[in-house]
Amino acid sequence: AEGDNPLCGDHYTIRLKVDQGVVEGVGF
C-alpha cells in the first residue's frame, strides 16, 4: 500500500510478505 501526508510531504510505500496470516517479510 502507498500513503501520503500532503501537509508535510511524507510519502511511503510499504510492502509485506504475509503467509498463512503471519507477517514474514517487511519493507518500506
mmCIF file of all heavy atoms, coordinates in Angstrom:
data_MODEL
# 
_entry.id   MODEL 
# 
loop_
_atom_site.group_PDB 
_atom_site.id 
_atom_site.type_symbol 
_atom_site.label_atom_id 
_atom_site.label_alt_id 
_atom_site.label_comp_id 
_atom_site.label_asym_id 
_atom_site.label_entity_id 
_atom_site.label_seq_id 
_atom_site.pdbx_PDB_ins_code 
_atom_site.Cartn_x 
_atom_site.Cartn_y 
_atom_site.Cartn_z 
_atom_site.occupancy 
_atom_site.B_iso_or_equiv 
_atom_site.pdbx_formal_charge 
_atom_site.auth_seq_id 
_atom_site.auth_comp_id 
_atom_site.auth_asym_id 
_atom_site.auth_atom_id 
_atom_site.pdbx_PDB_model_num 
ATOM 1   N N   . ALA A 1 1  ? 0.862  -1.177  0.000  1.00 0.00 ? 1  ALA A N   1 
ATOM 2   C CA  . ALA A 1 1  ? 0.000  0.000   0.000  1.00 0.00 ? 1  ALA A CA  1 
ATOM 3   C C   . ALA A 1 1  ? 0.898  1.227   0.000  1.00 0.00 ? 1  ALA A C   1 
ATOM 4   O O   . ALA A 1 1  ? 2.083  1.154   0.346  1.00 0.00 ? 1  ALA A O   1 
ATOM 5   C CB  . ALA A 1 1  ? -0.929 0.007   1.203  1.00 0.00 ? 1  ALA A CB  1 
ATOM 6   N N   . GLU A 1 2  ? 0.310  2.337   -0.388 1.00 0.00 ? 2  GLU A N   1 
ATOM 7   C CA  . GLU A 1 2  ? 1.029  3.588   -0.504 1.00 0.00 ? 2  GLU A CA  1 
ATOM 8   C C   . GLU A 1 2  ? 0.271  4.653   0.270  1.00 0.00 ? 2  GLU A C   1 
ATOM 9   O O   . GLU A 1 2  ? -0.960 4.639   0.308  1.00 0.00 ? 2  GLU A O   1 
ATOM 10  C CB  . GLU A 1 2  ? 1.086  3.952   -1.986 1.00 0.00 ? 2  GLU A CB  1 
ATOM 11  C CG  . GLU A 1 2  ? 1.991  5.058   -2.353 1.00 0.00 ? 2  GLU A CG  1 
ATOM 12  C CD  . GLU A 1 2  ? 2.048  5.220   -3.872 1.00 0.00 ? 2  GLU A CD  1 
ATOM 13  O OE1 . GLU A 1 2  ? 1.553  4.369   -4.622 1.00 0.00 ? 2  GLU A OE1 1 
ATOM 14  O OE2 . GLU A 1 2  ? 2.611  6.248   -4.276 1.00 0.00 ? 2  GLU A OE2 1 
ATOM 15  N N   . GLY A 1 3  ? 0.999  5.576   0.897  1.00 0.00 ? 3  GLY A N   1 
ATOM 16  C CA  . GLY A 1 3  ? 0.345  6.611   1.678  1.00 0.00 ? 3  GLY A CA  1 
ATOM 17  C C   . GLY A 1 3  ? 1.044  7.940   1.582  1.00 0.00 ? 3  GLY A C   1 
ATOM 18  O O   . GLY A 1 3  ? 2.232  8.018   1.273  1.00 0.00 ? 3  GLY A O   1 
ATOM 19  N N   . ASP A 1 4  ? 0.263  8.984   1.883  1.00 0.00 ? 4  ASP A N   1 
ATOM 20  C CA  . ASP A 1 4  ? 0.739  10.343  1.690  1.00 0.00 ? 4  ASP A CA  1 
ATOM 21  C C   . ASP A 1 4  ? 0.216  11.237  2.814  1.00 0.00 ? 4  ASP A C   1 
ATOM 22  O O   . ASP A 1 4  ? -0.938 11.119  3.218  1.00 0.00 ? 4  ASP A O   1 
ATOM 23  C CB  . ASP A 1 4  ? 0.199  10.830  0.337  1.00 0.00 ? 4  ASP A CB  1 
ATOM 24  C CG  . ASP A 1 4  ? 0.719  12.176  -0.072 1.00 0.00 ? 4  ASP A CG  1 
ATOM 25  O OD1 . ASP A 1 4  ? 1.912  12.433  0.126  1.00 0.00 ? 4  ASP A OD1 1 
ATOM 26  O OD2 . ASP A 1 4  ? -0.076 12.970  -0.600 1.00 0.00 ? 4  ASP A OD2 1 
ATOM 27  N N   . ASN A 1 5  ? 1.084  12.111  3.308  1.00 0.00 ? 5  ASN A N   1 
ATOM 28  C CA  . ASN A 1 5  ? 0.695  13.159  4.245  1.00 0.00 ? 5  ASN A CA  1 
ATOM 29  C C   . ASN A 1 5  ? 0.942  14.477  3.511  1.00 0.00 ? 5  ASN A C   1 
ATOM 30  O O   . ASN A 1 5  ? 2.050  15.002  3.532  1.00 0.00 ? 5  ASN A O   1 
ATOM 31  C CB  . ASN A 1 5  ? 1.522  13.077  5.529  1.00 0.00 ? 5  ASN A CB  1 
ATOM 32  C CG  . ASN A 1 5  ? 1.137  14.138  6.543  1.00 0.00 ? 5  ASN A CG  1 
ATOM 33  O OD1 . ASN A 1 5  ? 0.387  15.051  6.260  1.00 0.00 ? 5  ASN A OD1 1 
ATOM 34  N ND2 . ASN A 1 5  ? 1.689  14.019  7.736  1.00 0.00 ? 5  ASN A ND2 1 
ATOM 35  N N   . PRO A 1 6  ? -0.065 15.012  2.838  1.00 0.00 ? 6  PRO A N   1 
ATOM 36  C CA  . PRO A 1 6  ? 0.145  16.181  1.980  1.00 0.00 ? 6  PRO A CA  1 
ATOM 37  C C   . PRO A 1 6  ? 0.607  17.436  2.718  1.00 0.00 ? 6  PRO A C   1 
ATOM 38  O O   . PRO A 1 6  ? 1.270  18.274  2.124  1.00 0.00 ? 6  PRO A O   1 
ATOM 39  C CB  . PRO A 1 6  ? -1.206 16.410  1.319  1.00 0.00 ? 6  PRO A CB  1 
ATOM 40  C CG  . PRO A 1 6  ? -2.166 15.489  1.930  1.00 0.00 ? 6  PRO A CG  1 
ATOM 41  C CD  . PRO A 1 6  ? -1.432 14.528  2.795  1.00 0.00 ? 6  PRO A CD  1 
ATOM 42  N N   . LEU A 1 7  ? 0.301  17.566  3.999  1.00 0.00 ? 7  LEU A N   1 
ATOM 43  C CA  . LEU A 1 7  ? 0.691  18.777  4.726  1.00 0.00 ? 7  LEU A CA  1 
ATOM 44  C C   . LEU A 1 7  ? 2.199  18.909  4.902  1.00 0.00 ? 7  LEU A C   1 
ATOM 45  O O   . LEU A 1 7  ? 2.736  20.001  4.844  1.00 0.00 ? 7  LEU A O   1 
ATOM 46  C CB  . LEU A 1 7  ? 0.011  18.830  6.090  1.00 0.00 ? 7  LEU A CB  1 
ATOM 47  C CG  . LEU A 1 7  ? -1.449 19.240  6.068  1.00 0.00 ? 7  LEU A CG  1 
ATOM 48  C CD1 . LEU A 1 7  ? -2.020 19.239  7.476  1.00 0.00 ? 7  LEU A CD1 1 
ATOM 49  C CD2 . LEU A 1 7  ? -1.619 20.606  5.436  1.00 0.00 ? 7  LEU A CD2 1 
ATOM 50  N N   . CYS A 1 8  ? 2.885  17.774  5.117  1.00 0.00 ? 8  CYS A N   1 
ATOM 51  C CA  . CYS A 1 8  ? 4.336  17.890  5.319  1.00 0.00 ? 8  CYS A CA  1 
ATOM 52  C C   . CYS A 1 8  ? 5.139  17.131  4.262  1.00 0.00 ? 8  CYS A C   1 
ATOM 53  O O   . CYS A 1 8  ? 6.357  17.131  4.313  1.00 0.00 ? 8  CYS A O   1 
ATOM 54  C CB  . CYS A 1 8  ? 4.736  17.470  6.726  1.00 0.00 ? 8  CYS A CB  1 
ATOM 55  S SG  . CYS A 1 8  ? 4.507  15.754  7.088  1.00 0.00 ? 8  CYS A SG  1 
ATOM 56  N N   . GLY A 1 9  ? 4.461  16.474  3.325  1.00 0.00 ? 9  GLY A N   1 
ATOM 57  C CA  . GLY A 1 9  ? 5.169  15.832  2.222  1.00 0.00 ? 9  GLY A CA  1 
ATOM 58  C C   . GLY A 1 9  ? 5.632  14.412  2.475  1.00 0.00 ? 9  GLY A C   1 
ATOM 59  O O   . GLY A 1 9  ? 6.347  13.851  1.639  1.00 0.00 ? 9  GLY A O   1 
ATOM 60  N N   . ASP A 1 10 ? 5.255  13.811  3.591  1.00 0.00 ? 10 ASP A N   1 
ATOM 61  C CA  . ASP A 1 10 ? 5.624  12.414  3.842  1.00 0.00 ? 10 ASP A CA  1 
ATOM 62  C C   . ASP A 1 10 ? 4.918  11.524  2.820  1.00 0.00 ? 10 ASP A C   1 
ATOM 63  O O   . ASP A 1 10 ? 3.734  11.715  2.540  1.00 0.00 ? 10 ASP A O   1 
ATOM 64  C CB  . ASP A 1 10 ? 5.187  11.973  5.239  1.00 0.00 ? 10 ASP A CB  1 
ATOM 65  C CG  . ASP A 1 10 ? 5.814  12.793  6.359  1.00 0.00 ? 10 ASP A CG  1 
ATOM 66  O OD1 . ASP A 1 10 ? 6.840  13.440  6.119  1.00 0.00 ? 10 ASP A OD1 1 
ATOM 67  O OD2 . ASP A 1 10 ? 5.261  12.771  7.463  1.00 0.00 ? 10 ASP A OD2 1 
ATOM 68  N N   . HIS A 1 11 ? 5.652  10.572  2.284  1.00 0.00 ? 11 HIS A N   1 
ATOM 69  C CA  . HIS A 1 11 ? 5.073  9.648   1.300  1.00 0.00 ? 11 HIS A CA  1 
ATOM 70  C C   . HIS A 1 11 ? 5.806  8.313   1.416  1.00 0.00 ? 11 HIS A C   1 
ATOM 71  O O   . HIS A 1 11 ? 7.031  8.276   1.283  1.00 0.00 ? 11 HIS A O   1 
ATOM 72  C CB  . HIS A 1 11 ? 5.221  10.203  -0.117 1.00 0.00 ? 11 HIS A CB  1 
ATOM 73  C CG  . HIS A 1 11 ? 4.521  9.362   -1.127 1.00 0.00 ? 11 HIS A CG  1 
ATOM 74  N ND1 . HIS A 1 11 ? 3.245  9.629   -1.552 1.00 0.00 ? 11 HIS A ND1 1 
ATOM 75  C CD2 . HIS A 1 11 ? 4.900  8.242   -1.793 1.00 0.00 ? 11 HIS A CD2 1 
ATOM 76  C CE1 . HIS A 1 11 ? 2.874  8.714   -2.429 1.00 0.00 ? 11 HIS A CE1 1 
ATOM 77  N NE2 . HIS A 1 11 ? 3.864  7.863   -2.590 1.00 0.00 ? 11 HIS A NE2 1 
ATOM 78  N N   . TYR A 1 12 ? 5.066  7.238   1.675  1.00 0.00 ? 12 TYR A N   1 
ATOM 79  C CA  . TYR A 1 12 ? 5.680  5.923   1.852  1.00 0.00 ? 12 TYR A CA  1 
ATOM 80  C C   . TYR A 1 12 ? 4.908  4.826   1.132  1.00 0.00 ? 12 TYR A C   1 
ATOM 81  O O   . TYR A 1 12 ? 3.683  4.898   1.004  1.00 0.00 ? 12 TYR A O   1 
ATOM 82  C CB  . TYR A 1 12 ? 5.778  5.541   3.340  1.00 0.00 ? 12 TYR A CB  1 
ATOM 83  C CG  . TYR A 1 12 ? 6.730  6.411   4.101  1.00 0.00 ? 12 TYR A CG  1 
ATOM 84  C CD1 . TYR A 1 12 ? 6.275  7.370   4.977  1.00 0.00 ? 12 TYR A CD1 1 
ATOM 85  C CD2 . TYR A 1 12 ? 8.105  6.286   3.911  1.00 0.00 ? 12 TYR A CD2 1 
ATOM 86  C CE1 . TYR A 1 12 ? 7.159  8.190   5.657  1.00 0.00 ? 12 TYR A CE1 1 
ATOM 87  C CE2 . TYR A 1 12 ? 8.986  7.105   4.584  1.00 0.00 ? 12 TYR A CE2 1 
ATOM 88  C CZ  . TYR A 1 12 ? 8.514  8.056   5.456  1.00 0.00 ? 12 TYR A CZ  1 
ATOM 89  O OH  . TYR A 1 12 ? 9.396  8.872   6.120  1.00 0.00 ? 12 TYR A OH  1 
ATOM 90  N N   . THR A 1 13 ? 5.657  3.830   0.699  1.00 0.00 ? 13 THR A N   1 
ATOM 91  C CA  . THR A 1 13 ? 5.092  2.587   0.193  1.00 0.00 ? 13 THR A CA  1 
ATOM 92  C C   . THR A 1 13 ? 5.576  1.492   1.125  1.00 0.00 ? 13 THR A C   1 
ATOM 93  O O   . THR A 1 13 ? 6.774  1.421   1.431  1.00 0.00 ? 13 THR A O   1 
ATOM 94  C CB  . THR A 1 13 ? 5.560  2.282   -1.240 1.00 0.00 ? 13 THR A CB  1 
ATOM 95  O OG1 . THR A 1 13 ? 5.139  3.356   -2.087 1.00 0.00 ? 13 THR A OG1 1 
ATOM 96  C CG2 . THR A 1 13 ? 4.990  0.971   -1.747 1.00 0.00 ? 13 THR A CG2 1 
ATOM 97  N N   . ILE A 1 14 ? 4.660  0.669   1.580  1.00 0.00 ? 14 ILE A N   1 
ATOM 98  C CA  . ILE A 1 14 ? 5.004  -0.445  2.463  1.00 0.00 ? 14 ILE A CA  1 
ATOM 99  C C   . ILE A 1 14 ? 4.689  -1.736  1.731  1.00 0.00 ? 14 ILE A C   1 
ATOM 100 O O   . ILE A 1 14 ? 3.621  -1.870  1.126  1.00 0.00 ? 14 ILE A O   1 
ATOM 101 C CB  . ILE A 1 14 ? 4.238  -0.358  3.797  1.00 0.00 ? 14 ILE A CB  1 
ATOM 102 C CG1 . ILE A 1 14 ? 4.750  0.854   4.572  1.00 0.00 ? 14 ILE A CG1 1 
ATOM 103 C CG2 . ILE A 1 14 ? 4.381  -1.645  4.609  1.00 0.00 ? 14 ILE A CG2 1 
ATOM 104 C CD1 . ILE A 1 14 ? 4.072  1.102   5.883  1.00 0.00 ? 14 ILE A CD1 1 
ATOM 105 N N   . ARG A 1 15 ? 5.648  -2.666  1.776  1.00 0.00 ? 15 ARG A N   1 
ATOM 106 C CA  . ARG A 1 15 ? 5.471  -3.979  1.159  1.00 0.00 ? 15 ARG A CA  1 
ATOM 107 C C   . ARG A 1 15 ? 5.626  -5.048  2.235  1.00 0.00 ? 15 ARG A C   1 
ATOM 108 O O   . ARG A 1 15 ? 6.506  -4.956  3.088  1.00 0.00 ? 15 ARG A O   1 
ATOM 109 C CB  . ARG A 1 15 ? 6.487  -4.185  0.053  1.00 0.00 ? 15 ARG A CB  1 
ATOM 110 C CG  . ARG A 1 15 ? 6.238  -3.289  -1.136 1.00 0.00 ? 15 ARG A CG  1 
ATOM 111 C CD  . ARG A 1 15 ? 7.218  -3.572  -2.276 1.00 0.00 ? 15 ARG A CD  1 
ATOM 112 N NE  . ARG A 1 15 ? 6.888  -2.783  -3.442 1.00 0.00 ? 15 ARG A NE  1 
ATOM 113 C CZ  . ARG A 1 15 ? 7.246  -1.514  -3.609 1.00 0.00 ? 15 ARG A CZ  1 
ATOM 114 N NH1 . ARG A 1 15 ? 7.946  -0.897  -2.688 1.00 0.00 ? 15 ARG A NH1 1 
ATOM 115 N NH2 . ARG A 1 15 ? 6.899  -0.863  -4.710 1.00 0.00 ? 15 ARG A NH2 1 
ATOM 116 N N   . LEU A 1 16 ? 4.767  -6.058  2.146  1.00 0.00 ? 16 LEU A N   1 
ATOM 117 C CA  . LEU A 1 16 ? 4.769  -7.132  3.121  1.00 0.00 ? 16 LEU A CA  1 
ATOM 118 C C   . LEU A 1 16 ? 4.754  -8.480  2.420  1.00 0.00 ? 16 LEU A C   1 
ATOM 119 O O   . LEU A 1 16 ? 4.213  -8.610  1.323  1.00 0.00 ? 16 LEU A O   1 
ATOM 120 C CB  . LEU A 1 16 ? 3.512  -7.065  3.996  1.00 0.00 ? 16 LEU A CB  1 
ATOM 121 C CG  . LEU A 1 16 ? 3.196  -5.768  4.710  1.00 0.00 ? 16 LEU A CG  1 
ATOM 122 C CD1 . LEU A 1 16 ? 1.804  -5.834  5.323  1.00 0.00 ? 16 LEU A CD1 1 
ATOM 123 C CD2 . LEU A 1 16 ? 4.238  -5.477  5.765  1.00 0.00 ? 16 LEU A CD2 1 
ATOM 124 N N   . LYS A 1 17 ? 5.305  -9.445  3.094  1.00 0.00 ? 17 LYS A N   1 
ATOM 125 C CA  . LYS A 1 17 ? 5.087  -10.838 2.725  1.00 0.00 ? 17 LYS A CA  1 
ATOM 126 C C   . LYS A 1 17 ? 4.280  -11.423 3.872  1.00 0.00 ? 17 LYS A C   1 
ATOM 127 O O   . LYS A 1 17 ? 4.753  -11.482 5.009  1.00 0.00 ? 17 LYS A O   1 
ATOM 128 C CB  . LYS A 1 17 ? 6.385  -11.607 2.557  1.00 0.00 ? 17 LYS A CB  1 
ATOM 129 C CG  . LYS A 1 17 ? 6.114  -13.082 2.236  1.00 0.00 ? 17 LYS A CG  1 
ATOM 130 C CD  . LYS A 1 17 ? 7.362  -13.905 2.170  1.00 0.00 ? 17 LYS A CD  1 
ATOM 131 C CE  . LYS A 1 17 ? 6.970  -15.356 1.884  1.00 0.00 ? 17 LYS A CE  1 
ATOM 132 N NZ  . LYS A 1 17 ? 8.122  -16.238 1.997  1.00 0.00 ? 17 LYS A NZ  1 
ATOM 133 N N   . VAL A 1 18 ? 3.056  -11.822 3.554  1.00 0.00 ? 18 VAL A N   1 
ATOM 134 C CA  . VAL A 1 18 ? 2.174  -12.428 4.550  1.00 0.00 ? 18 VAL A CA  1 
ATOM 135 C C   . VAL A 1 18 ? 1.909  -13.854 4.098  1.00 0.00 ? 18 VAL A C   1 
ATOM 136 O O   . VAL A 1 18 ? 1.495  -14.090 2.967  1.00 0.00 ? 18 VAL A O   1 
ATOM 137 C CB  . VAL A 1 18 ? 0.846  -11.645 4.692  1.00 0.00 ? 18 VAL A CB  1 
ATOM 138 C CG1 . VAL A 1 18 ? -0.066 -12.313 5.708  1.00 0.00 ? 18 VAL A CG1 1 
ATOM 139 C CG2 . VAL A 1 18 ? 1.119  -10.202 5.079  1.00 0.00 ? 18 VAL A CG2 1 
ATOM 140 N N   . ASP A 1 19 ? 2.211  -14.803 4.974  1.00 0.00 ? 19 ASP A N   1 
ATOM 141 C CA  . ASP A 1 19 ? 1.999  -16.207 4.658  1.00 0.00 ? 19 ASP A CA  1 
ATOM 142 C C   . ASP A 1 19 ? 1.211  -16.852 5.794  1.00 0.00 ? 19 ASP A C   1 
ATOM 143 O O   . ASP A 1 19 ? 1.630  -16.780 6.951  1.00 0.00 ? 19 ASP A O   1 
ATOM 144 C CB  . ASP A 1 19 ? 3.337  -16.910 4.464  1.00 0.00 ? 19 ASP A CB  1 
ATOM 145 C CG  . ASP A 1 19 ? 3.192  -18.324 3.918  1.00 0.00 ? 19 ASP A CG  1 
ATOM 146 O OD1 . ASP A 1 19 ? 2.157  -18.625 3.284  1.00 0.00 ? 19 ASP A OD1 1 
ATOM 147 O OD2 . ASP A 1 19 ? 4.115  -19.123 4.129  1.00 0.00 ? 19 ASP A OD2 1 
ATOM 148 N N   . GLN A 1 20 ? 0.081  -17.426 5.460  1.00 0.00 ? 20 GLN A N   1 
ATOM 149 C CA  . GLN A 1 20 ? -0.797 -18.088 6.422  1.00 0.00 ? 20 GLN A CA  1 
ATOM 150 C C   . GLN A 1 20 ? -1.106 -17.187 7.619  1.00 0.00 ? 20 GLN A C   1 
ATOM 151 O O   . GLN A 1 20 ? -1.086 -17.615 8.769  1.00 0.00 ? 20 GLN A O   1 
ATOM 152 C CB  . GLN A 1 20 ? -0.206 -19.424 6.862  1.00 0.00 ? 20 GLN A CB  1 
ATOM 153 C CG  . GLN A 1 20 ? -0.086 -20.398 5.718  1.00 0.00 ? 20 GLN A CG  1 
ATOM 154 C CD  . GLN A 1 20 ? 0.434  -21.757 6.158  1.00 0.00 ? 20 GLN A CD  1 
ATOM 155 O OE1 . GLN A 1 20 ? 0.561  -22.049 7.343  1.00 0.00 ? 20 GLN A OE1 1 
ATOM 156 N NE2 . GLN A 1 20 ? 0.720  -22.601 5.180  1.00 0.00 ? 20 GLN A NE2 1 
ATOM 157 N N   . GLY A 1 21 ? -1.350 -15.889 7.299  1.00 0.00 ? 21 GLY A N   1 
ATOM 158 C CA  . GLY A 1 21 ? -1.748 -14.945 8.330  1.00 0.00 ? 21 GLY A CA  1 
ATOM 159 C C   . GLY A 1 21 ? -0.626 -14.393 9.182  1.00 0.00 ? 21 GLY A C   1 
ATOM 160 O O   . GLY A 1 21 ? -0.875 -13.678 10.148 1.00 0.00 ? 21 GLY A O   1 
ATOM 161 N N   . VAL A 1 22 ? 0.647  -14.682 8.829  1.00 0.00 ? 22 VAL A N   1 
ATOM 162 C CA  . VAL A 1 22 ? 1.796  -14.193 9.597  1.00 0.00 ? 22 VAL A CA  1 
ATOM 163 C C   . VAL A 1 22 ? 2.638  -13.269 8.711  1.00 0.00 ? 22 VAL A C   1 
ATOM 164 O O   . VAL A 1 22 ? 2.928  -13.590 7.557  1.00 0.00 ? 22 VAL A O   1 
ATOM 165 C CB  . VAL A 1 22 ? 2.666  -15.366 10.107 1.00 0.00 ? 22 VAL A CB  1 
ATOM 166 C CG1 . VAL A 1 22 ? 3.902  -14.858 10.836 1.00 0.00 ? 22 VAL A CG1 1 
ATOM 167 C CG2 . VAL A 1 22 ? 1.841  -16.267 11.018 1.00 0.00 ? 22 VAL A CG2 1 
ATOM 168 N N   . VAL A 1 23 ? 3.038  -12.129 9.258  1.00 0.00 ? 23 VAL A N   1 
ATOM 169 C CA  . VAL A 1 23 ? 3.890  -11.180 8.538  1.00 0.00 ? 23 VAL A CA  1 
ATOM 170 C C   . VAL A 1 23 ? 5.315  -11.721 8.573  1.00 0.00 ? 23 VAL A C   1 
ATOM 171 O O   . VAL A 1 23 ? 5.979  -11.694 9.613  1.00 0.00 ? 23 VAL A O   1 
ATOM 172 C CB  . VAL A 1 23 ? 3.819  -9.769  9.159  1.00 0.00 ? 23 VAL A CB  1 
ATOM 173 C CG1 . VAL A 1 23 ? 4.741  -8.817  8.415  1.00 0.00 ? 23 VAL A CG1 1 
ATOM 174 C CG2 . VAL A 1 23 ? 2.389  -9.257  9.166  1.00 0.00 ? 23 VAL A CG2 1 
ATOM 175 N N   . GLU A 1 24 ? 5.783  -12.224 7.426  1.00 0.00 ? 24 GLU A N   1 
ATOM 176 C CA  . GLU A 1 24 ? 7.104  -12.864 7.361  1.00 0.00 ? 24 GLU A CA  1 
ATOM 177 C C   . GLU A 1 24 ? 8.173  -11.989 6.723  1.00 0.00 ? 24 GLU A C   1 
ATOM 178 O O   . GLU A 1 24 ? 9.356  -12.305 6.815  1.00 0.00 ? 24 GLU A O   1 
ATOM 179 C CB  . GLU A 1 24 ? 6.990  -14.183 6.609  1.00 0.00 ? 24 GLU A CB  1 
ATOM 180 C CG  . GLU A 1 24 ? 6.167  -15.205 7.361  1.00 0.00 ? 24 GLU A CG  1 
ATOM 181 C CD  . GLU A 1 24 ? 6.188  -16.570 6.701  1.00 0.00 ? 24 GLU A CD  1 
ATOM 182 O OE1 . GLU A 1 24 ? 6.697  -16.699 5.566  1.00 0.00 ? 24 GLU A OE1 1 
ATOM 183 O OE2 . GLU A 1 24 ? 5.695  -17.514 7.335  1.00 0.00 ? 24 GLU A OE2 1 
ATOM 184 N N   . GLY A 1 25 ? 7.769  -10.918 6.064  1.00 0.00 ? 25 GLY A N   1 
ATOM 185 C CA  . GLY A 1 25 ? 8.733  -10.016 5.450  1.00 0.00 ? 25 GLY A CA  1 
ATOM 186 C C   . GLY A 1 25 ? 8.156  -8.618  5.390  1.00 0.00 ? 25 GLY A C   1 
ATOM 187 O O   . GLY A 1 25 ? 6.947  -8.443  5.216  1.00 0.00 ? 25 GLY A O   1 
ATOM 188 N N   . VAL A 1 26 ? 9.017  -7.608  5.561  1.00 0.00 ? 26 VAL A N   1 
ATOM 189 C CA  . VAL A 1 26 ? 8.572  -6.217  5.580  1.00 0.00 ? 26 VAL A CA  1 
ATOM 190 C C   . VAL A 1 26 ? 9.587  -5.329  4.873  1.00 0.00 ? 26 VAL A C   1 
ATOM 191 O O   . VAL A 1 26 ? 10.775 -5.642  4.826  1.00 0.00 ? 26 VAL A O   1 
ATOM 192 C CB  . VAL A 1 26 ? 8.363  -5.700  7.023  1.00 0.00 ? 26 VAL A CB  1 
ATOM 193 C CG1 . VAL A 1 26 ? 7.266  -6.459  7.731  1.00 0.00 ? 26 VAL A CG1 1 
ATOM 194 C CG2 . VAL A 1 26 ? 9.652  -5.775  7.840  1.00 0.00 ? 26 VAL A CG2 1 
ATOM 195 N N   . GLY A 1 27 ? 9.118  -4.227  4.340  1.00 0.00 ? 27 GLY A N   1 
ATOM 196 C CA  . GLY A 1 27 ? 9.999  -3.239  3.744  1.00 0.00 ? 27 GLY A CA  1 
ATOM 197 C C   . GLY A 1 27 ? 9.223  -1.969  3.443  1.00 0.00 ? 27 GLY A C   1 
ATOM 198 O O   . GLY A 1 27 ? 8.009  -1.999  3.271  1.00 0.00 ? 27 GLY A O   1 
ATOM 199 N N   . PHE A 1 28 ? 9.954  -0.835  3.413  1.00 0.00 ? 28 PHE A N   1 
ATOM 200 C CA  . PHE A 1 28 ? 9.291  0.413   3.046  1.00 0.00 ? 28 PHE A CA  1 
ATOM 201 C C   . PHE A 1 28 ? 10.232 1.298   2.252  1.00 0.00 ? 28 PHE A C   1 
ATOM 202 O O   . PHE A 1 28 ? 11.452 1.184   2.332  1.00 0.00 ? 28 PHE A O   1 
ATOM 203 C CB  . PHE A 1 28 ? 8.719  1.134   4.267  1.00 0.00 ? 28 PHE A CB  1 
ATOM 204 C CG  . PHE A 1 28 ? 9.697  1.895   5.142  1.00 0.00 ? 28 PHE A CG  1 
ATOM 205 C CD1 . PHE A 1 28 ? 9.707  3.279   5.143  1.00 0.00 ? 28 PHE A CD1 1 
ATOM 206 C CD2 . PHE A 1 28 ? 10.566 1.233   6.005  1.00 0.00 ? 28 PHE A CD2 1 
ATOM 207 C CE1 . PHE A 1 28 ? 10.566 3.989   5.979  1.00 0.00 ? 28 PHE A CE1 1 
ATOM 208 C CE2 . PHE A 1 28 ? 11.416 1.925   6.841  1.00 0.00 ? 28 PHE A CE2 1 
ATOM 209 C CZ  . PHE A 1 28 ? 11.424 3.318   6.822  1.00 0.00 ? 28 PHE A CZ  1 
# 
